[in-house]
Amino acid sequence: MIEMEHFRHYVTETEDLGVRKLLATYGATGYGVYWYILEKIYKYPKLEIVMNGRFWEEAKYSLLLGKRKMMKILKEMDDLMLITISGSVIMCNRATTEVALVEAAVARRAKRSKV
């Protein structure tokens, strides 16, 4: 697993149907939570977040949202297939796919440089 320093934010992000629905329901707050969660997911090598006490405390101060409101938004994101919640773990197929593509590109570059 490579360490990601940044990830793609496409200029067409708001054209994604799930993102549009999230915006329609929760506005900028929902969109902010979406990007907050993606940043956290990309930050960790396992590409997942555990919703433990530390997660809720950080989210509370970073987003100024209570746990109940945050859970409503996360549930909506899960329903829209923007993320996957399994028990107390949040994952994202987008992150898994993008990291796999980056790792493949790094491996190809390393292979070419050995030649």
Protein backbone atom coordinates (compact mmCIF):
# COMPACT_ATOMS: atom_id res chain seq x y z
CA MET A 1 0.00 0.00 0.00
CA ILE A 2 1.42 3.36 -1.00
CA GLU A 3 0.94 6.47 1.08
CA MET A 4 -1.38 8.93 -0.64
CA GLU A 5 -0.48 12.61 -0.33
CA HIS A 6 -3.43 13.73 -2.43
CA PHE A 7 -6.33 12.29 -4.38
CA ARG A 8 -8.46 13.38 -7.32
CA HIS A 9 -11.34 15.77 -6.96
CA TYR A 10 -12.88 15.79 -10.40
CA VAL A 11 -14.41 19.01 -11.69
CA THR A 12 -17.47 16.94 -12.57
CA GLU A 13 -17.95 15.73 -8.99
CA THR A 14 -21.33 17.43 -8.60
CA GLU A 15 -22.59 15.70 -11.76
CA ASP A 16 -22.45 12.33 -9.98
CA LEU A 17 -26.05 11.35 -9.20
CA GLY A 18 -25.26 10.29 -5.63
CA VAL A 19 -23.43 13.54 -4.91
CA ARG A 20 -26.28 15.55 -6.45
CA LYS A 21 -28.79 13.75 -4.23
CA LEU A 22 -26.61 14.32 -1.17
CA LEU A 23 -26.39 18.03 -2.02
CA ALA A 24 -30.15 18.23 -2.56
CA THR A 25 -30.81 16.70 0.84
CA TYR A 26 -28.04 18.15 3.02
CA GLY A 27 -26.57 21.01 0.99
CA ALA A 28 -23.03 22.17 1.65
CA THR A 29 -23.00 20.38 5.01
CA GLY A 30 -23.53 17.00 3.35
CA TYR A 31 -20.97 17.80 0.67
CA GLY A 32 -18.48 18.83 3.36
CA VAL A 33 -19.03 15.59 5.28
CA TYR A 34 -18.50 13.64 2.04
CA TRP A 35 -15.10 15.22 1.44
CA TYR A 36 -14.14 15.00 5.11
CA ILE A 37 -14.83 11.24 5.03
CA LEU A 38 -12.92 10.77 1.75
CA GLU A 39 -9.90 12.64 3.15
CA LYS A 40 -9.92 10.42 6.24
CA ILE A 41 -10.30 7.22 4.20
CA TYR A 42 -7.41 8.10 1.89
CA LYS A 43 -5.26 8.98 4.90
CA TYR A 44 -5.25 5.48 6.37
CA PRO A 45 -3.40 2.52 4.79
CA LYS A 46 -6.40 0.18 5.15
CA LEU A 47 -8.60 2.74 3.34
CA GLU A 48 -11.20 2.55 6.06
CA ILE A 49 -12.31 4.51 9.10
CA VAL A 50 -13.43 2.99 12.38
CA MET A 51 -16.25 4.98 13.94
CA ASN A 52 -14.86 4.94 17.46
CA GLY A 53 -14.77 7.61 20.16
CA ARG A 54 -11.80 9.36 18.59
CA PHE A 55 -13.54 9.53 15.20
CA TRP A 56 -16.66 11.11 16.73
CA GLU A 57 -14.63 13.57 18.79
CA GLU A 58 -12.59 14.69 15.75
CA ALA A 59 -15.71 14.97 13.58
CA LYS A 60 -17.51 16.98 16.26
CA TYR A 61 -14.77 19.62 16.36
CA SER A 62 -13.83 19.54 12.68
CA LEU A 63 -17.36 19.67 11.26
CA LEU A 64 -19.28 21.19 14.17
CA LEU A 65 -21.88 18.44 13.85
CA GLY A 66 -23.41 16.23 16.49
CA LYS A 67 -23.26 12.46 16.24
CA ARG A 68 -26.97 12.11 15.35
CA LYS A 69 -26.77 14.55 12.41
CA MET A 70 -23.48 13.04 11.25
CA MET A 71 -24.96 9.52 11.33
CA LYS A 72 -27.95 10.67 9.26
CA ILE A 73 -25.60 12.05 6.62
CA LEU A 74 -23.37 8.97 6.69
CA LYS A 75 -26.42 6.70 6.34
CA GLU A 76 -27.57 8.75 3.34
CA MET A 77 -24.08 8.48 1.82
CA ASP A 78 -24.24 4.70 2.33
CA ASP A 79 -27.72 4.53 0.77
CA LEU A 80 -26.41 6.54 -2.21
CA MET A 81 -23.43 4.14 -2.49
CA LEU A 82 -20.91 6.94 -2.01
CA ILE A 83 -19.47 4.99 0.93
CA THR A 84 -20.05 1.59 2.52
CA ILE A 85 -20.76 1.24 6.21
CA SER A 86 -20.20 -2.21 7.68
CA GLY A 87 -20.76 -2.28 11.41
CA SER A 88 -18.56 0.51 12.75
CA VAL A 89 -16.30 0.67 9.67
CA ILE A 90 -16.60 3.13 6.76
CA MET A 91 -15.05 2.18 3.41
CA CYS A 92 -15.23 3.63 -0.10
CA ASN A 93 -14.99 1.75 -3.39
CA ARG A 94 -13.80 4.92 -5.11
CA ALA A 95 -10.74 5.08 -2.82
CA THR A 96 -9.95 1.38 -3.21
CA THR A 97 -10.14 1.62 -7.00
CA GLU A 98 -8.10 4.81 -7.26
CA VAL A 99 -5.35 3.56 -4.95
CA ALA A 100 -5.13 0.30 -6.95
CA LEU A 101 -4.70 2.35 -10.15
CA VAL A 102 -1.98 4.49 -8.57
CA GLU A 103 -0.17 1.42 -7.24
CA ALA A 104 -0.28 -0.20 -10.68
CA ALA A 105 1.12 2.97 -12.27
CA VAL A 106 3.94 3.15 -9.71
CA ALA A 107 4.78 -0.51 -10.34
CA ARG A 108 4.87 0.06 -14.12
CA ARG A 109 7.20 3.04 -13.68
CA ALA A 110 9.48 1.06 -11.38
CA LYS A 111 9.57 -1.82 -13.87
CA ARG A 112 10.46 0.54 -16.74
CA SER A 113 13.20 2.22 -14.77
CA LYS A 114 14.87 -1.15 -14.11
CA VAL A 115 15.11 -1.86 -17.83
